[in-house]
N, C-alpha and C. Protein backbone atom coordinates (compact mmCIF):
# COMPACT_ATOMS: atom_id res chain seq x y z
N MET A 1 96.82 -16.37 -68.39
CA MET A 1 95.76 -17.24 -68.97
C MET A 1 94.60 -16.63 -68.68
N PRO A 2 93.53 -16.36 -69.34
CA PRO A 2 92.28 -15.60 -69.04
C PRO A 2 91.49 -16.35 -68.09
N PRO A 3 90.67 -15.85 -67.34
CA PRO A 3 89.80 -16.74 -66.42
C PRO A 3 88.77 -17.47 -67.23
N SER A 4 88.39 -18.60 -66.66
CA SER A 4 87.39 -19.52 -67.59
C SER A 4 86.09 -18.91 -67.47
N ARG A 5 85.27 -19.36 -68.48
CA ARG A 5 83.93 -18.65 -68.53
C ARG A 5 83.22 -18.80 -67.37
N SER A 6 83.24 -20.05 -66.74
CA SER A 6 82.32 -20.07 -65.50
C SER A 6 82.94 -19.25 -64.35
N GLY A 7 84.16 -18.85 -64.29
CA GLY A 7 84.86 -18.15 -63.31
C GLY A 7 84.44 -16.65 -63.63
N LEU A 8 84.37 -16.27 -64.74
CA LEU A 8 84.10 -14.76 -65.09
C LEU A 8 82.53 -14.75 -64.89
N SER A 9 81.63 -15.71 -65.16
CA SER A 9 80.34 -15.57 -64.73
C SER A 9 80.05 -15.31 -63.35
N ARG A 10 80.82 -16.13 -62.52
CA ARG A 10 80.67 -16.13 -61.03
C ARG A 10 81.03 -14.74 -60.63
N ARG A 11 82.06 -14.23 -61.25
CA ARG A 11 82.56 -12.90 -60.73
C ARG A 11 81.55 -11.74 -61.22
N MET A 12 81.04 -11.89 -62.30
CA MET A 12 79.92 -10.87 -62.83
C MET A 12 78.68 -11.02 -61.91
N LEU A 13 78.33 -12.17 -61.58
CA LEU A 13 77.13 -12.35 -60.63
C LEU A 13 77.33 -11.72 -59.39
N ALA A 14 78.61 -12.02 -58.85
CA ALA A 14 79.01 -11.30 -57.47
C ALA A 14 78.88 -9.80 -57.76
N LEU A 15 79.44 -9.34 -58.57
CA LEU A 15 79.49 -7.81 -58.93
C LEU A 15 77.88 -7.25 -59.09
N ALA A 16 77.15 -8.08 -59.78
CA ALA A 16 75.64 -7.95 -59.93
C ALA A 16 74.94 -7.83 -58.49
N LEU A 17 75.37 -8.87 -57.77
CA LEU A 17 74.60 -9.00 -56.40
C LEU A 17 75.09 -7.75 -55.54
N GLY A 18 76.39 -7.46 -55.57
CA GLY A 18 76.85 -6.28 -54.84
C GLY A 18 76.10 -5.12 -55.38
N ALA A 19 76.01 -4.68 -56.58
CA ALA A 19 75.33 -3.65 -57.07
C ALA A 19 73.98 -3.59 -56.58
N THR A 20 73.28 -4.71 -56.58
CA THR A 20 71.77 -4.64 -56.19
C THR A 20 71.61 -4.38 -54.69
N VAL A 21 72.57 -4.99 -53.97
CA VAL A 21 72.63 -4.68 -52.49
C VAL A 21 72.64 -3.16 -52.23
N ALA A 22 73.61 -2.40 -53.07
CA ALA A 22 74.01 -1.03 -52.85
C ALA A 22 72.58 -0.31 -53.13
N VAL A 23 72.10 -0.69 -54.14
CA VAL A 23 70.79 0.16 -54.70
C VAL A 23 69.84 -0.22 -53.73
N VAL A 24 69.53 -1.28 -53.09
CA VAL A 24 68.53 -1.59 -52.09
C VAL A 24 68.93 -0.83 -50.88
N LEU A 25 70.05 -0.77 -50.47
CA LEU A 25 70.32 -0.07 -49.34
C LEU A 25 70.11 1.54 -49.48
N ALA A 26 70.49 1.94 -50.62
CA ALA A 26 70.27 3.42 -50.93
C ALA A 26 68.82 3.73 -50.77
N ALA A 27 67.91 2.91 -51.50
CA ALA A 27 66.59 3.02 -51.48
C ALA A 27 65.93 2.95 -50.01
N VAL A 28 66.55 2.05 -49.26
CA VAL A 28 65.92 1.87 -47.86
C VAL A 28 66.30 3.16 -47.07
N THR A 29 67.51 3.51 -47.09
CA THR A 29 67.97 4.68 -46.27
C THR A 29 67.54 5.98 -46.74
N ALA A 30 66.94 6.11 -48.07
CA ALA A 30 66.34 7.31 -48.32
C ALA A 30 64.89 7.62 -48.01
N GLY A 31 64.63 6.72 -47.18
CA GLY A 31 63.20 6.84 -46.69
C GLY A 31 62.82 8.17 -45.74
N GLY A 32 61.77 8.06 -45.11
CA GLY A 32 61.37 9.26 -44.42
C GLY A 32 62.05 9.32 -43.02
N THR A 33 62.87 8.31 -42.60
CA THR A 33 63.32 8.42 -41.07
C THR A 33 64.77 8.72 -41.38
N TYR A 34 65.26 9.55 -40.35
CA TYR A 34 66.70 9.92 -40.40
C TYR A 34 67.36 9.75 -39.02
N ALA A 35 68.49 9.31 -39.10
CA ALA A 35 69.23 9.17 -37.69
C ALA A 35 70.19 10.33 -37.58
N PHE A 36 70.39 10.64 -36.23
CA PHE A 36 71.51 11.65 -35.78
C PHE A 36 72.62 10.84 -35.49
N LEU A 37 73.75 11.10 -36.40
CA LEU A 37 74.96 10.26 -36.09
C LEU A 37 76.08 11.15 -35.18
N ARG A 38 76.52 10.50 -34.34
CA ARG A 38 77.34 11.26 -33.44
C ARG A 38 78.69 10.44 -33.21
N SER A 39 79.43 10.44 -34.08
CA SER A 39 80.73 9.64 -33.90
C SER A 39 81.72 10.29 -35.02
N SER A 40 82.96 9.73 -34.63
CA SER A 40 83.85 10.07 -35.61
C SER A 40 84.95 8.95 -35.98
N ALA A 41 85.51 8.78 -37.08
CA ALA A 41 86.39 7.73 -37.45
C ALA A 41 87.55 8.20 -38.34
N GLN A 42 88.67 7.78 -38.13
CA GLN A 42 89.99 8.39 -38.94
C GLN A 42 90.34 7.08 -39.87
N SER A 43 90.69 7.83 -40.97
CA SER A 43 91.33 6.77 -41.98
C SER A 43 92.43 7.67 -42.48
N ALA A 44 93.20 6.87 -43.21
CA ALA A 44 94.53 7.55 -43.94
C ALA A 44 94.28 8.79 -44.63
N GLY A 45 94.50 9.89 -44.12
CA GLY A 45 94.19 11.22 -44.90
C GLY A 45 93.00 11.75 -44.67
N ALA A 46 92.02 11.17 -44.11
CA ALA A 46 90.68 11.77 -43.87
C ALA A 46 90.02 11.58 -42.54
N THR A 47 89.09 12.44 -42.22
CA THR A 47 88.36 12.26 -40.92
C THR A 47 86.87 12.43 -41.32
N LEU A 48 86.02 11.44 -40.90
CA LEU A 48 84.54 11.61 -41.15
C LEU A 48 83.97 11.88 -39.89
N VAL A 49 83.20 12.83 -39.71
CA VAL A 49 82.50 13.56 -38.49
C VAL A 49 81.14 13.60 -38.77
N GLY A 50 80.29 13.05 -37.87
CA GLY A 50 78.79 13.32 -38.03
C GLY A 50 78.20 13.92 -36.85
N GLY A 51 77.10 14.72 -36.89
CA GLY A 51 76.50 15.19 -35.78
C GLY A 51 75.16 15.67 -36.27
N THR A 52 74.52 16.32 -35.22
CA THR A 52 73.03 16.84 -35.58
C THR A 52 73.24 18.08 -36.47
N ALA A 53 72.20 18.35 -37.47
CA ALA A 53 72.11 19.47 -38.25
C ALA A 53 70.79 20.05 -38.03
N THR A 54 70.72 21.20 -37.19
CA THR A 54 69.46 21.83 -36.98
C THR A 54 69.55 23.36 -37.17
N LEU A 55 68.52 23.73 -37.89
CA LEU A 55 68.38 25.16 -38.28
C LEU A 55 67.04 25.70 -37.77
N VAL A 56 67.01 26.65 -36.86
CA VAL A 56 65.86 27.27 -36.44
C VAL A 56 65.65 28.84 -36.76
N VAL A 57 64.43 29.10 -36.75
CA VAL A 57 64.02 30.41 -37.11
C VAL A 57 63.71 31.07 -35.67
N THR A 58 64.80 31.95 -35.18
CA THR A 58 64.81 32.58 -33.85
C THR A 58 64.12 33.86 -33.93
N THR A 59 63.95 34.68 -35.00
CA THR A 59 63.02 35.89 -35.30
C THR A 59 62.32 35.75 -36.53
N PRO A 60 60.92 35.57 -36.52
CA PRO A 60 60.00 35.32 -37.78
C PRO A 60 60.19 36.51 -38.81
N LEU A 61 60.03 36.18 -40.00
CA LEU A 61 60.10 37.28 -41.00
C LEU A 61 59.00 38.30 -40.47
N ALA A 62 59.32 39.52 -40.75
CA ALA A 62 58.45 40.65 -40.59
C ALA A 62 58.59 41.57 -41.62
N LEU A 63 57.52 41.80 -42.42
CA LEU A 63 57.27 42.50 -43.52
C LEU A 63 56.22 43.70 -43.27
N PRO A 64 56.53 44.90 -43.62
CA PRO A 64 55.57 45.98 -43.37
C PRO A 64 54.15 45.51 -44.07
N SER A 65 53.04 45.97 -43.68
CA SER A 65 51.74 45.64 -44.15
C SER A 65 51.25 46.86 -44.95
N THR A 66 52.03 47.63 -45.62
CA THR A 66 51.70 48.82 -46.28
C THR A 66 51.21 48.43 -47.69
N ALA A 67 50.33 49.23 -48.38
CA ALA A 67 49.83 48.81 -49.54
C ALA A 67 51.21 48.68 -50.66
N LEU A 68 51.09 47.91 -51.65
CA LEU A 68 52.13 47.72 -52.42
C LEU A 68 51.63 48.05 -53.90
N TYR A 69 52.24 49.05 -54.47
CA TYR A 69 51.88 49.67 -55.72
C TYR A 69 52.90 49.32 -56.86
N PRO A 70 52.54 49.12 -58.15
CA PRO A 70 53.50 48.92 -59.22
C PRO A 70 54.75 49.78 -59.11
N GLY A 71 55.88 49.04 -59.05
CA GLY A 71 57.14 49.71 -59.06
C GLY A 71 57.71 49.96 -57.60
N GLN A 72 56.92 49.45 -56.41
CA GLN A 72 57.17 49.54 -55.21
C GLN A 72 57.85 48.23 -54.45
N THR A 73 58.71 48.32 -53.56
CA THR A 73 59.26 47.32 -52.80
C THR A 73 59.14 47.60 -51.36
N VAL A 74 58.67 46.42 -50.63
CA VAL A 74 58.66 46.47 -49.27
C VAL A 74 59.92 45.54 -48.82
N SER A 75 60.58 45.58 -47.59
CA SER A 75 61.42 44.71 -47.21
C SER A 75 61.37 44.63 -45.59
N GLY A 76 61.86 43.37 -45.27
CA GLY A 76 61.98 43.25 -43.78
C GLY A 76 63.05 42.23 -43.55
N SER A 77 62.96 41.61 -42.34
CA SER A 77 64.16 40.44 -42.09
C SER A 77 63.55 39.30 -40.99
N GLY A 78 64.09 38.38 -41.06
CA GLY A 78 64.09 37.18 -40.03
C GLY A 78 65.57 36.83 -39.66
N THR A 79 65.65 36.01 -38.77
CA THR A 79 66.87 35.57 -38.12
C THR A 79 66.77 33.99 -37.93
N VAL A 80 67.84 33.32 -38.61
CA VAL A 80 67.88 31.92 -38.38
C VAL A 80 69.24 31.51 -37.67
N ARG A 81 69.14 30.41 -36.87
CA ARG A 81 70.26 30.09 -35.95
C ARG A 81 70.71 28.58 -36.25
N ASN A 82 71.87 28.19 -36.30
CA ASN A 82 72.32 26.80 -36.39
C ASN A 82 72.51 26.26 -35.03
N THR A 83 71.49 25.45 -34.53
CA THR A 83 71.44 25.03 -33.13
C THR A 83 71.98 23.45 -33.11
N GLY A 84 72.51 23.11 -34.18
CA GLY A 84 73.12 21.88 -34.41
C GLY A 84 74.49 21.78 -33.96
N ALA A 85 75.10 20.56 -34.24
CA ALA A 85 76.51 20.40 -33.98
C ALA A 85 77.38 20.50 -35.12
N VAL A 86 76.92 20.69 -36.33
CA VAL A 86 77.87 20.76 -37.44
C VAL A 86 77.45 22.01 -38.19
N PRO A 87 78.56 22.57 -39.10
CA PRO A 87 78.38 23.70 -39.65
C PRO A 87 77.60 23.54 -40.91
N LEU A 88 76.76 24.61 -41.27
CA LEU A 88 75.76 24.48 -42.21
C LEU A 88 75.99 25.72 -43.38
N ARG A 89 75.61 25.30 -44.55
CA ARG A 89 75.53 26.49 -45.56
C ARG A 89 74.22 26.69 -45.80
N LEU A 90 73.53 27.92 -45.62
CA LEU A 90 72.16 28.10 -45.98
C LEU A 90 71.89 27.95 -47.34
N ARG A 91 70.62 27.60 -47.58
CA ARG A 91 70.19 27.27 -48.93
C ARG A 91 68.63 27.71 -48.92
N ILE A 92 68.12 28.39 -50.06
CA ILE A 92 66.90 28.68 -50.33
C ILE A 92 66.22 27.51 -51.04
N ALA A 93 65.34 26.76 -50.41
CA ALA A 93 64.93 25.47 -50.94
C ALA A 93 63.45 25.67 -51.54
N GLY A 94 62.73 26.82 -51.29
CA GLY A 94 61.42 26.93 -51.85
C GLY A 94 60.78 28.23 -51.50
N LEU A 95 59.72 28.48 -52.29
CA LEU A 95 58.97 29.67 -52.04
C LEU A 95 57.61 29.19 -52.33
N THR A 96 56.85 29.37 -51.40
CA THR A 96 55.14 28.72 -51.50
C THR A 96 54.13 29.96 -51.13
N GLN A 97 53.14 29.86 -51.96
CA GLN A 97 51.91 30.67 -51.43
C GLN A 97 51.03 30.03 -50.56
N SER A 98 50.71 30.77 -49.52
CA SER A 98 49.93 29.78 -48.55
C SER A 98 48.23 30.20 -48.60
N THR A 99 48.01 30.87 -49.56
CA THR A 99 46.54 31.03 -49.97
C THR A 99 46.25 30.97 -51.33
N THR A 100 45.04 31.36 -51.81
CA THR A 100 44.84 31.20 -53.31
C THR A 100 45.49 32.14 -54.15
N VAL A 101 45.92 31.71 -55.18
CA VAL A 101 46.80 32.38 -56.09
C VAL A 101 45.88 33.29 -56.67
N ASN A 102 46.43 34.55 -56.95
CA ASN A 102 45.47 35.59 -57.80
C ASN A 102 46.43 36.38 -58.60
N PRO A 103 46.12 37.24 -59.39
CA PRO A 103 46.99 38.19 -60.40
C PRO A 103 48.03 38.99 -59.53
N PHE A 104 47.52 39.31 -58.37
CA PHE A 104 48.48 40.22 -57.60
C PHE A 104 49.59 39.40 -57.04
N THR A 105 49.45 38.34 -56.33
CA THR A 105 50.57 37.54 -55.86
C THR A 105 51.34 36.89 -56.86
N SER A 106 50.52 36.46 -58.02
CA SER A 106 51.44 35.87 -59.11
C SER A 106 52.49 36.83 -59.77
N ALA A 107 52.21 38.20 -59.65
CA ALA A 107 53.13 39.09 -60.17
C ALA A 107 54.20 39.44 -59.26
N LEU A 108 54.20 39.19 -58.00
CA LEU A 108 55.22 39.71 -56.94
C LEU A 108 56.48 38.97 -57.25
N THR A 109 57.62 39.66 -57.01
CA THR A 109 58.93 39.07 -57.05
C THR A 109 59.63 39.20 -55.69
N VAL A 110 60.15 38.12 -55.16
CA VAL A 110 60.79 38.03 -53.88
C VAL A 110 62.32 38.01 -54.11
N GLY A 111 62.86 38.72 -53.10
CA GLY A 111 64.32 38.82 -53.20
C GLY A 111 64.83 38.45 -51.70
N VAL A 112 66.15 37.86 -51.85
CA VAL A 112 66.69 37.44 -50.57
C VAL A 112 68.26 37.99 -50.47
N ALA A 113 68.72 38.35 -49.32
CA ALA A 113 70.15 38.45 -49.08
C ALA A 113 70.42 38.26 -47.74
N ILE A 114 71.67 38.17 -47.33
CA ILE A 114 71.97 37.90 -45.94
C ILE A 114 72.52 39.29 -45.59
N GLY A 115 71.88 39.76 -44.43
CA GLY A 115 72.26 41.13 -44.00
C GLY A 115 73.14 41.22 -42.69
N ALA A 116 73.77 42.39 -42.52
CA ALA A 116 74.60 42.53 -41.17
C ALA A 116 73.70 42.63 -40.15
N SER A 117 72.43 43.39 -40.09
CA SER A 117 71.52 43.54 -39.21
C SER A 117 70.15 43.81 -39.73
N ALA A 118 69.11 43.61 -38.88
CA ALA A 118 67.66 44.00 -39.44
C ALA A 118 67.58 45.21 -39.89
N ALA A 119 68.29 46.28 -39.34
CA ALA A 119 68.15 47.46 -39.50
C ALA A 119 68.74 47.69 -41.18
N ALA A 120 69.79 46.97 -41.54
CA ALA A 120 70.30 46.99 -42.82
C ALA A 120 69.31 46.48 -43.81
N CYS A 121 68.41 45.43 -43.43
CA CYS A 121 67.34 44.99 -44.30
C CYS A 121 66.34 45.97 -44.65
N SER A 122 65.78 46.84 -43.43
CA SER A 122 64.73 47.65 -43.64
C SER A 122 65.17 48.92 -44.35
N ALA A 123 66.36 49.25 -44.44
CA ALA A 123 66.93 50.38 -45.23
C ALA A 123 67.04 50.13 -46.68
N GLY A 124 66.61 48.95 -47.05
CA GLY A 124 66.74 48.57 -48.53
C GLY A 124 68.14 48.09 -48.67
N PHE A 125 68.12 46.91 -49.50
CA PHE A 125 69.30 46.17 -49.65
C PHE A 125 69.10 45.63 -51.38
N THR A 126 70.27 45.12 -51.88
CA THR A 126 70.26 44.50 -53.11
C THR A 126 70.33 42.95 -52.95
N PRO A 127 69.10 42.32 -53.42
CA PRO A 127 69.15 40.90 -53.17
C PRO A 127 70.15 40.12 -54.08
N THR A 128 70.58 39.03 -53.48
CA THR A 128 71.41 38.23 -54.19
C THR A 128 70.74 36.99 -54.90
N TRP A 129 69.43 36.84 -54.45
CA TRP A 129 68.59 35.78 -55.10
C TRP A 129 67.12 36.56 -55.25
N THR A 130 66.55 36.22 -56.47
CA THR A 130 65.17 36.68 -56.66
C THR A 130 64.49 35.38 -57.20
N ALA A 131 63.10 35.58 -57.11
CA ALA A 131 62.43 34.61 -57.68
C ALA A 131 60.66 35.24 -57.81
N THR A 132 60.16 34.47 -58.56
CA THR A 132 58.54 34.79 -58.67
C THR A 132 58.04 33.37 -58.08
N PHE A 133 56.72 33.20 -57.67
CA PHE A 133 56.22 32.15 -57.37
C PHE A 133 56.05 30.96 -58.44
N ALA A 134 56.11 31.38 -59.59
CA ALA A 134 56.15 30.59 -60.75
C ALA A 134 57.57 30.00 -61.16
N ALA A 135 58.62 30.65 -60.65
CA ALA A 135 59.96 30.23 -61.08
C ALA A 135 60.91 30.34 -59.99
N VAL A 136 60.97 29.21 -59.04
CA VAL A 136 61.79 29.15 -58.05
C VAL A 136 62.79 28.16 -58.24
N VAL A 137 64.05 28.65 -58.02
CA VAL A 137 65.36 27.57 -58.24
C VAL A 137 66.01 27.53 -56.92
N PRO A 138 65.95 26.37 -56.23
CA PRO A 138 66.81 26.35 -55.01
C PRO A 138 68.19 26.58 -55.30
N THR A 139 68.63 27.47 -54.40
CA THR A 139 69.87 28.14 -54.40
C THR A 139 70.76 28.16 -53.28
N GLU A 140 72.02 27.75 -53.26
CA GLU A 140 72.87 27.88 -52.03
C GLU A 140 73.29 29.43 -51.75
N LEU A 141 73.13 29.81 -50.55
CA LEU A 141 73.60 31.26 -50.23
C LEU A 141 75.04 31.25 -49.86
N THR A 142 75.69 32.18 -49.93
CA THR A 142 77.18 32.20 -49.57
C THR A 142 77.45 32.22 -48.00
N VAL A 143 76.41 32.19 -47.13
CA VAL A 143 76.67 32.34 -45.83
C VAL A 143 76.98 30.72 -45.15
N ARG A 144 78.05 30.59 -44.32
CA ARG A 144 78.23 29.28 -43.73
C ARG A 144 78.14 29.86 -42.18
N LEU A 145 77.20 28.90 -41.58
CA LEU A 145 76.88 28.90 -40.19
C LEU A 145 77.37 28.04 -39.24
N ALA A 146 78.70 28.39 -38.45
CA ALA A 146 79.04 27.49 -37.53
C ALA A 146 77.97 27.16 -36.37
N PRO A 147 78.10 26.11 -35.59
CA PRO A 147 77.37 25.74 -34.57
C PRO A 147 77.06 26.82 -33.75
N GLY A 148 75.90 27.42 -33.44
CA GLY A 148 75.61 28.43 -32.46
C GLY A 148 75.64 29.67 -33.25
N ASP A 149 76.01 29.94 -34.55
CA ASP A 149 75.97 31.10 -35.33
C ASP A 149 74.55 31.37 -35.80
N SER A 150 74.34 32.83 -35.97
CA SER A 150 72.94 33.20 -36.59
C SER A 150 73.20 34.00 -37.84
N ALA A 151 72.11 34.16 -38.55
CA ALA A 151 72.28 35.02 -39.81
C ALA A 151 70.87 35.78 -39.92
N VAL A 152 71.02 37.01 -40.25
CA VAL A 152 69.79 37.91 -40.48
C VAL A 152 69.56 37.61 -41.98
N VAL A 153 68.38 37.22 -42.33
CA VAL A 153 67.80 37.08 -43.77
C VAL A 153 66.90 38.16 -44.07
N CYS A 154 67.50 38.94 -45.24
CA CYS A 154 66.87 40.11 -45.62
C CYS A 154 65.97 39.69 -46.66
N VAL A 155 64.61 39.98 -46.64
CA VAL A 155 63.68 39.61 -47.68
C VAL A 155 62.78 40.88 -48.22
N SER A 156 62.96 40.92 -49.55
CA SER A 156 62.05 42.18 -50.23
C SER A 156 60.89 41.44 -51.21
N VAL A 157 59.90 42.14 -51.19
CA VAL A 157 58.80 41.78 -51.98
C VAL A 157 58.43 42.99 -52.98
N SER A 158 58.44 42.74 -54.10
CA SER A 158 58.40 43.83 -55.19
C SER A 158 57.19 43.64 -56.09
N LEU A 159 56.57 44.70 -56.43
CA LEU A 159 55.45 44.48 -57.58
C LEU A 159 56.08 45.35 -58.83
N PRO A 160 56.27 44.49 -59.76
CA PRO A 160 56.83 45.32 -60.91
C PRO A 160 56.02 46.33 -61.77
N LEU A 161 56.57 47.33 -62.29
CA LEU A 161 55.86 48.54 -62.94
C LEU A 161 54.97 47.72 -63.99
N ASP A 162 55.21 46.73 -64.60
CA ASP A 162 54.49 45.95 -65.79
C ASP A 162 53.50 44.93 -65.04
N ALA A 163 53.00 45.11 -63.66
CA ALA A 163 52.13 44.01 -63.23
C ALA A 163 50.78 44.15 -64.10
N PRO A 164 50.23 43.01 -64.21
CA PRO A 164 49.05 42.81 -65.15
C PRO A 164 47.76 43.77 -64.30
N ALA A 165 46.96 44.24 -65.39
CA ALA A 165 45.80 45.12 -64.78
C ALA A 165 45.13 44.25 -63.74
N GLY A 166 44.91 43.00 -63.98
CA GLY A 166 44.12 42.27 -63.12
C GLY A 166 44.61 42.18 -61.58
N ALA A 167 45.76 42.65 -61.34
CA ALA A 167 46.37 42.64 -59.97
C ALA A 167 45.91 43.77 -59.15
N ASN A 168 45.22 44.84 -59.87
CA ASN A 168 44.60 45.99 -59.24
C ASN A 168 43.60 45.57 -58.26
N ALA A 169 43.75 46.18 -57.04
CA ALA A 169 42.84 45.82 -55.86
C ALA A 169 42.56 44.49 -55.49
N GLN A 170 43.60 43.65 -55.69
CA GLN A 170 43.49 42.32 -55.13
C GLN A 170 44.31 42.23 -53.75
N ALA A 171 43.80 41.32 -53.04
CA ALA A 171 44.42 41.07 -51.57
C ALA A 171 45.62 40.30 -51.77
N GLY A 172 46.66 40.77 -50.84
CA GLY A 172 47.89 39.99 -50.84
C GLY A 172 47.71 38.59 -50.14
N ALA A 173 48.55 37.64 -50.50
CA ALA A 173 48.76 36.45 -49.85
C ALA A 173 49.78 36.05 -49.03
N GLY A 174 49.67 35.45 -48.10
CA GLY A 174 50.61 35.08 -47.23
C GLY A 174 51.51 34.04 -48.11
N PHE A 175 52.88 33.98 -47.63
CA PHE A 175 53.82 33.20 -48.33
C PHE A 175 54.93 32.55 -47.35
N SER A 176 55.56 31.43 -47.80
CA SER A 176 56.55 31.07 -47.05
C SER A 176 57.99 30.97 -47.84
N LEU A 177 59.01 31.42 -47.30
CA LEU A 177 60.32 31.14 -47.90
C LEU A 177 60.69 30.07 -47.21
N VAL A 178 61.14 29.11 -47.86
CA VAL A 178 61.73 27.84 -47.11
C VAL A 178 63.16 27.81 -47.33
N LEU A 179 63.84 27.75 -46.15
CA LEU A 179 65.45 27.81 -46.10
C LEU A 179 65.73 26.52 -45.31
N ASP A 180 66.84 25.87 -45.75
CA ASP A 180 67.42 24.65 -45.17
C ASP A 180 68.86 24.98 -45.09
N GLY A 181 69.59 23.91 -44.51
CA GLY A 181 71.12 24.04 -44.26
C GLY A 181 71.66 22.85 -44.81
N ARG A 182 72.83 22.84 -45.49
CA ARG A 182 73.62 21.89 -45.86
C ARG A 182 74.87 21.79 -45.16
N GLN A 183 75.10 20.43 -44.63
CA GLN A 183 76.38 20.30 -43.89
C GLN A 183 77.66 20.63 -44.78
N VAL A 184 78.53 21.39 -44.07
CA VAL A 184 79.90 21.66 -44.87
C VAL A 184 80.97 21.37 -43.91
N PRO A 185 82.18 20.96 -44.51
CA PRO A 185 83.26 20.73 -43.73
C PRO A 185 83.88 21.97 -42.86
């Protein structure tokens, strides 16, 4: 026998209230305060483990300060370390200029790869990610950092051969390459 109209209405109201509570909780927990979870629980066939996720720069990015001409690339490296308690996958989250934009800096292309050493970055490398300041797509890198592990991040900066004429004799600008880590099992 199908449920009565009032029973069905009560059930729909209960579902709507449950959905509303979930949305409100999601909005409240997505705020600017984050908690460090340090516990584990088991259920049939799965284990949920939480812990701190912390990524720090142990060696800041160092690029040569030589003049950059069309068709030229300079490269350098920095080192990041997972000092948290959970494994992380590195992700490029952004690329920002720290000073006034001009035709020179707007023409630059930034490349990133994970290197075996700082020397490997200085000798030249093939980037696995490239972007300009106008077109940055957040991208997960292939490196997984266990707690305590480090990675050498190779960075290249290139001025293309077809750089605009207005880029001539312009001063370079500082920039930030924003990296973060995503927890992985």
